[in-house]
Amino acid sequence: MLDLEEIDKDLYRSKKLWLPMGARGVFGGNVVGQALVAATNTVSNNYSVHSLHSYFLLPGDHSIPILYHVERLRDGKSYCTRTVTAKQRGKAIFVCTASFQVPAPNAPSHQYPMPNVPHHSTLPSQEELLKSMIDNPKVPEKFTEILKLRLAEDTRTHSLKDITNPPKRTEQTFWIKCKGKLGDALALHQCVVAYGSDHNLLGTVPLAHGATWFSRLGPNPRITMMASLDHSMWFHSPFRADEWMLYVCESPRSGCDRGLTFGRIYKEDGTLAVSVAQEGVVRLRTNPVEPKL
């Protein structure tokens, strides 16, 4: 998903793109991760990304490659900056500016503490949850077919009750990690987490209204559209994406068909490794009230 083909200096082409089930375009994290790979390829190993800020301009078409053009804006002693423009059919679909720093690990620091949540070893995996719902005879057949597709995608979900009738809340928390083992290059782990950071983040907004893609019946609003508008990340300390990390997502505000979300990604030892912010289009429509007889 993150591997790129170098076709000229500072010009790269995607090899694989993912269109999630029901999505309008390529998965946003796919584009963010590949853009960060392209930018990282033009930076000395002495630097490490510390932040990126990006905008989604048009939906990506998964049937043709995305071209990533890197502009080298600045190379300094402590910081360097790159802008990446992703294009398809001659049009910009995404733009990202990433800043890299020579690490200073001994500087004073502070952080928000990691919340006290159940350990990942005590929780069922996403595959186990999906399989248990698929095998549950009480689950309607129309849901079973969707869940089978979700299982094939390995898309994150929760219990059947959570996805059909979720409690209203402005925060959700889950454990994530890359399957298999990655190498030791920090840049690769950062790009993988950039890819994964788009999972579920914007989905925190409809939860505040008691809505998910599955909750189309009942009094709560239903989702008619969700799409990312922007995505920002701050990398605070080294980590491994192939080890368990806790992702805390929260939504402080929604309105005008937009929702704002923040994310904090902790290492298992409690170190806050990455912070994330995203705003997106979230269109919710109230279900019509059936007249009482």
Protein backbone atom coordinates (compact mmCIF):
# COMPACT_ATOMS: atom_id res chain seq x y z
CA MET A 1 0.00 0.00 0.00
CA LEU A 2 2.89 2.40 0.68
CA ASP A 3 5.37 1.25 -1.97
CA LEU A 4 6.00 3.85 -4.70
CA GLU A 5 7.71 3.74 -8.07
CA GLU A 6 10.26 6.51 -8.70
CA ILE A 7 9.73 7.70 -12.28
CA ASP A 8 11.87 10.87 -12.18
CA LYS A 9 13.60 13.10 -9.66
CA ASP A 10 11.03 14.07 -7.00
CA LEU A 11 8.26 12.32 -8.95
CA TYR A 12 6.66 9.07 -7.77
CA ARG A 13 3.77 6.84 -8.80
CA SER A 14 1.54 4.66 -6.63
CA LYS A 15 1.56 0.90 -7.09
CA LYS A 16 -1.56 -0.01 -5.11
CA LEU A 17 -4.64 1.91 -3.97
CA TRP A 18 -7.52 0.84 -1.74
CA LEU A 19 -11.15 1.78 -2.29
CA PRO A 20 -13.04 0.92 0.92
CA MET A 21 -16.48 -0.59 0.61
CA GLY A 22 -19.05 2.14 -0.02
CA ALA A 23 -16.43 4.92 -0.26
CA ARG A 24 -16.44 7.69 -2.89
CA GLY A 25 -12.70 7.49 -3.47
CA VAL A 26 -9.36 6.05 -2.40
CA PHE A 27 -8.90 5.60 1.35
CA GLY A 28 -7.52 8.88 2.71
CA GLY A 29 -4.85 7.23 4.84
CA ASN A 30 -3.57 5.49 1.71
CA VAL A 31 -2.88 8.88 0.10
CA VAL A 32 -1.47 10.46 3.27
CA GLY A 33 0.90 7.54 3.82
CA GLN A 34 2.12 7.48 0.22
CA ALA A 35 2.63 11.25 0.19
CA LEU A 36 4.75 10.97 3.33
CA VAL A 37 6.78 8.19 1.71
CA ALA A 38 7.41 10.44 -1.30
CA ALA A 39 8.49 13.35 0.90
CA THR A 40 10.69 11.13 3.08
CA ASN A 41 12.46 9.77 0.01
CA THR A 42 13.83 13.27 -0.69
CA VAL A 43 15.14 13.90 2.84
CA SER A 44 18.44 12.88 4.44
CA ASN A 45 18.31 10.11 7.05
CA ASN A 46 19.51 12.67 9.59
CA TYR A 47 15.99 14.14 9.64
CA SER A 48 12.75 12.67 10.93
CA VAL A 49 9.24 13.94 10.16
CA HIS A 50 7.72 15.87 13.05
CA SER A 51 4.55 17.20 11.42
CA LEU A 52 2.43 17.14 8.29
CA HIS A 53 -0.60 19.15 7.21
CA SER A 54 -2.70 18.08 4.26
CA TYR A 55 -5.89 18.80 2.33
CA PHE A 56 -8.05 16.40 0.33
CA LEU A 57 -9.17 18.24 -2.81
CA LEU A 58 -10.87 15.57 -4.93
CA PRO A 59 -11.73 11.89 -4.44
CA GLY A 60 -8.95 9.60 -5.68
CA ASP A 61 -9.71 7.07 -8.42
CA HIS A 62 -8.40 3.62 -7.41
CA SER A 63 -8.40 2.40 -11.04
CA ILE A 64 -5.43 4.58 -12.12
CA PRO A 65 -2.14 5.43 -10.34
CA ILE A 66 -1.64 8.60 -8.36
CA LEU A 67 1.38 10.75 -9.23
CA TYR A 68 3.20 12.41 -6.32
CA HIS A 69 5.37 15.44 -7.07
CA VAL A 70 7.66 16.62 -4.27
CA GLU A 71 8.76 20.25 -4.00
CA ARG A 72 11.86 20.87 -1.87
CA LEU A 73 10.93 24.09 -0.10
CA ARG A 74 13.73 24.34 2.47
CA ASP A 75 16.80 22.50 3.72
CA GLY A 76 18.17 23.89 6.99
CA LYS A 77 20.52 22.68 9.70
CA SER A 78 17.73 21.61 12.06
CA TYR A 79 14.61 21.57 9.88
CA CYS A 80 13.67 20.90 6.27
CA THR A 81 10.31 21.21 4.52
CA ARG A 82 8.66 19.42 1.61
CA THR A 83 5.35 19.92 -0.19
CA VAL A 84 3.77 16.98 -2.01
CA THR A 85 1.06 17.37 -4.65
CA ALA A 86 -0.87 14.26 -5.65
CA LYS A 87 -2.42 14.31 -9.13
CA GLN A 88 -4.67 12.22 -11.33
CA ARG A 89 -5.67 13.10 -14.90
CA GLY A 90 -3.74 16.35 -14.60
CA LYS A 91 -5.71 17.58 -11.58
CA ALA A 92 -4.47 17.96 -8.01
CA ILE A 93 -6.47 15.67 -5.71
CA PHE A 94 -4.38 16.14 -2.54
CA VAL A 95 -1.68 18.45 -1.21
CA CYS A 96 0.54 17.93 1.83
CA THR A 97 3.31 19.90 3.51
CA ALA A 98 5.64 17.93 5.79
CA SER A 99 8.32 19.29 8.11
CA PHE A 100 11.36 17.25 9.17
CA GLN A 101 13.70 17.84 12.11
CA VAL A 102 17.06 16.60 13.30
CA PRO A 103 15.91 14.81 16.50
CA ALA A 104 16.66 16.35 19.91
CA PRO A 105 15.68 13.52 22.28
CA ASN A 106 17.17 15.01 25.45
CA ALA A 107 15.06 18.19 25.48
CA PRO A 108 12.54 18.68 28.36
CA SER A 109 9.08 17.26 27.58
CA HIS A 110 5.58 16.74 28.96
CA GLN A 111 2.43 14.98 27.74
CA TYR A 112 -1.18 14.08 28.44
CA PRO A 113 -1.28 10.77 30.38
CA MET A 114 -2.58 7.68 28.62
CA PRO A 115 -6.14 6.84 29.70
CA ASN A 116 -6.77 3.73 31.77
CA VAL A 117 -8.37 1.23 29.39
CA PRO A 118 -8.55 -2.58 29.15
CA HIS A 119 -5.29 -4.14 27.94
CA HIS A 120 -5.30 -5.43 24.36
CA SER A 121 -4.54 -8.96 25.59
CA THR A 122 -7.95 -9.07 27.32
CA LEU A 123 -9.91 -7.97 24.25
CA PRO A 124 -11.07 -9.96 21.20
CA SER A 125 -9.46 -9.09 17.89
CA GLN A 126 -11.43 -7.40 15.13
CA GLU A 127 -11.43 -10.63 13.14
CA GLU A 128 -12.85 -12.54 16.12
CA LEU A 129 -15.61 -9.95 16.61
CA LEU A 130 -16.58 -10.03 12.95
CA LYS A 131 -16.56 -13.84 12.77
CA SER A 132 -18.71 -14.12 15.91
CA MET A 133 -21.29 -11.76 14.40
CA ILE A 134 -21.27 -13.58 11.07
CA ASP A 135 -21.90 -16.89 12.87
CA ASN A 136 -24.63 -15.41 15.09
CA PRO A 137 -28.04 -16.67 13.87
CA LYS A 138 -29.72 -13.56 15.32
CA VAL A 139 -27.85 -11.29 12.90
CA PRO A 140 -30.01 -10.46 9.84
CA GLU A 141 -28.74 -11.90 6.57
CA LYS A 142 -28.34 -8.43 5.01
CA PHE A 143 -25.92 -7.53 7.82
CA THR A 144 -24.10 -10.85 7.53
CA GLU A 145 -23.19 -10.22 3.91
CA ILE A 146 -21.88 -6.74 4.76
CA LEU A 147 -19.89 -8.13 7.68
CA LYS A 148 -18.28 -10.72 5.40
CA LEU A 149 -17.11 -7.92 3.14
CA ARG A 150 -15.86 -5.99 6.17
CA LEU A 151 -13.93 -9.06 7.29
CA ALA A 152 -12.31 -9.34 3.87
CA GLU A 153 -11.28 -5.69 4.15
CA ASP A 154 -10.25 -6.04 7.81
CA THR A 155 -12.08 -2.80 8.53
CA ARG A 156 -12.37 -1.88 12.20
CA THR A 157 -15.72 -2.35 13.89
CA HIS A 158 -17.25 -3.03 17.29
CA SER A 159 -19.94 -5.31 18.68
CA LEU A 160 -23.21 -5.73 16.81
CA LYS A 161 -25.01 -3.57 19.38
CA ASP A 162 -22.41 -0.83 19.01
CA ILE A 163 -22.73 -0.63 15.25
CA THR A 164 -26.53 -0.86 15.01
CA ASN A 165 -27.54 1.10 18.11
CA PRO A 166 -24.44 2.86 19.45
CA PRO A 167 -24.48 4.87 22.67
CA LYS A 168 -23.99 8.59 22.09
CA ARG A 169 -20.42 9.54 22.93
CA THR A 170 -17.77 11.98 21.71
CA GLU A 171 -14.80 9.62 22.22
CA GLN A 172 -13.76 6.13 21.16
CA THR A 173 -10.61 4.22 22.00
CA PHE A 174 -9.05 1.15 20.40
CA TRP A 175 -5.74 -0.69 20.08
CA ILE A 176 -3.98 -0.83 16.70
CA LYS A 177 -0.85 -2.35 15.22
CA CYS A 178 0.50 -3.43 11.85
CA LYS A 179 0.20 -7.13 11.10
CA GLY A 180 3.55 -8.87 10.73
CA LYS A 181 6.93 -7.29 11.39
CA LEU A 182 8.46 -4.18 9.85
CA GLY A 183 12.13 -3.29 9.60
CA ASP A 184 13.90 -0.95 11.99
CA ALA A 185 13.70 2.24 9.89
CA LEU A 186 11.69 4.79 11.89
CA ALA A 187 10.52 6.50 8.67
CA LEU A 188 8.67 3.35 7.59
CA HIS A 189 6.88 3.07 10.94
CA GLN A 190 5.87 6.73 10.69
CA CYS A 191 4.43 6.22 7.20
CA VAL A 192 2.51 3.14 8.34
CA VAL A 193 0.96 5.01 11.26
CA ALA A 194 0.12 7.89 8.91
CA TYR A 195 -1.78 5.33 6.82
CA GLY A 196 -3.56 3.86 9.86
CA SER A 197 -4.37 7.18 11.52
CA ASP A 198 -7.28 7.75 9.13
CA HIS A 199 -9.08 4.61 10.35
CA ASN A 200 -12.16 5.41 12.48
CA LEU A 201 -11.07 8.97 13.27
CA LEU A 202 -13.81 10.81 11.37
CA GLY A 203 -16.26 8.09 12.40
CA THR A 204 -16.16 9.55 15.92
CA VAL A 205 -18.35 12.45 14.74
CA PRO A 206 -21.56 10.49 13.97
CA LEU A 207 -21.11 8.54 17.22
CA ALA A 208 -21.86 11.78 19.07
CA HIS A 209 -25.31 11.61 17.44
CA GLY A 210 -25.78 7.86 17.98
CA ALA A 211 -25.19 7.04 14.32
CA THR A 212 -23.05 4.60 12.31
CA TRP A 213 -23.27 3.31 8.74
CA PHE A 214 -25.34 0.40 10.12
CA SER A 215 -27.79 2.44 12.21
CA ARG A 216 -30.22 3.41 9.47
CA LEU A 217 -33.35 2.57 11.47
CA GLY A 218 -34.69 4.19 14.61
CA PRO A 219 -34.79 7.76 15.93
CA ASN A 220 -31.10 8.62 15.55
CA PRO A 221 -29.80 10.40 12.42
CA ARG A 222 -28.42 8.35 9.55
CA ILE A 223 -25.15 9.02 7.72
CA THR A 224 -25.56 10.09 4.10
CA MET A 225 -21.95 11.12 3.43
CA MET A 226 -18.55 11.23 5.13
CA ALA A 227 -15.33 12.48 3.50
CA SER A 228 -12.08 13.89 4.89
CA LEU A 229 -11.31 17.54 4.19
CA ASP A 230 -7.92 17.80 5.89
CA HIS A 231 -5.53 15.73 7.98
CA SER A 232 -2.71 16.88 10.26
CA MET A 233 -0.23 14.87 12.31
CA TRP A 234 2.50 15.59 14.84
CA PHE A 235 5.15 12.96 15.59
CA HIS A 236 6.52 13.36 19.12
CA SER A 237 8.81 10.38 19.73
CA PRO A 238 10.05 7.16 18.08
CA PHE A 239 7.73 4.15 18.03
CA ARG A 240 7.12 0.87 16.23
CA ALA A 241 3.96 0.49 14.17
CA ASP A 242 4.20 -3.31 14.48
CA GLU A 243 3.72 -3.09 18.27
CA TRP A 244 0.44 -2.32 20.02
CA MET A 245 -0.53 1.36 20.23
CA LEU A 246 -3.62 2.91 21.82
CA TYR A 247 -5.61 5.25 19.56
CA VAL A 248 -7.82 7.75 21.44
CA CYS A 249 -10.24 9.62 19.14
CA GLU A 250 -12.50 12.47 20.20
CA SER A 251 -14.82 14.96 18.51
CA PRO A 252 -15.30 18.31 20.27
CA ARG A 253 -17.64 19.88 17.68
CA SER A 254 -19.77 19.28 14.63
CA GLY A 255 -22.07 21.51 12.60
CA CYS A 256 -22.64 22.91 9.09
CA ASP A 257 -22.25 19.35 7.74
CA ARG A 258 -18.67 19.26 9.09
CA GLY A 259 -17.10 17.50 12.05
CA LEU A 260 -13.82 18.09 13.88
CA THR A 261 -11.81 15.26 15.41
CA PHE A 262 -8.60 14.90 17.41
CA GLY A 263 -6.58 11.76 17.97
CA ARG A 264 -3.81 10.72 20.36
CA ILE A 265 -1.73 7.61 19.68
CA TYR A 266 0.13 6.14 22.67
CA LYS A 267 2.81 3.49 22.88
CA GLU A 268 1.97 0.60 25.17
CA ASP A 269 4.29 2.03 27.85
CA GLY A 270 2.14 5.19 28.01
CA THR A 271 4.32 7.45 25.85
CA LEU A 272 2.29 9.83 23.67
CA ALA A 273 3.89 9.19 20.28
CA VAL A 274 1.59 10.87 17.74
CA SER A 275 -1.17 13.49 17.74
CA VAL A 276 -3.73 13.79 14.92
CA ALA A 277 -6.37 16.32 13.86
CA GLN A 278 -8.92 16.03 11.09
CA GLU A 279 -12.00 17.83 9.81
CA GLY A 280 -14.36 16.23 7.38
CA VAL A 281 -17.72 16.41 5.68
CA VAL A 282 -20.24 14.56 7.85
CA ARG A 283 -23.79 14.75 6.56
CA LEU A 284 -26.44 13.38 8.89
CA ARG A 285 -30.12 13.26 8.11
CA THR A 286 -32.87 12.62 10.61
CA ASN A 287 -34.97 9.55 9.92
CA PRO A 288 -38.62 10.37 9.23
CA VAL A 289 -40.88 9.76 12.20
CA GLU A 290 -43.50 7.12 11.49
CA PRO A 291 -47.01 8.26 12.38
CA LYS A 292 -48.59 6.56 15.37
CA LEU A 293 -51.71 4.53 14.63
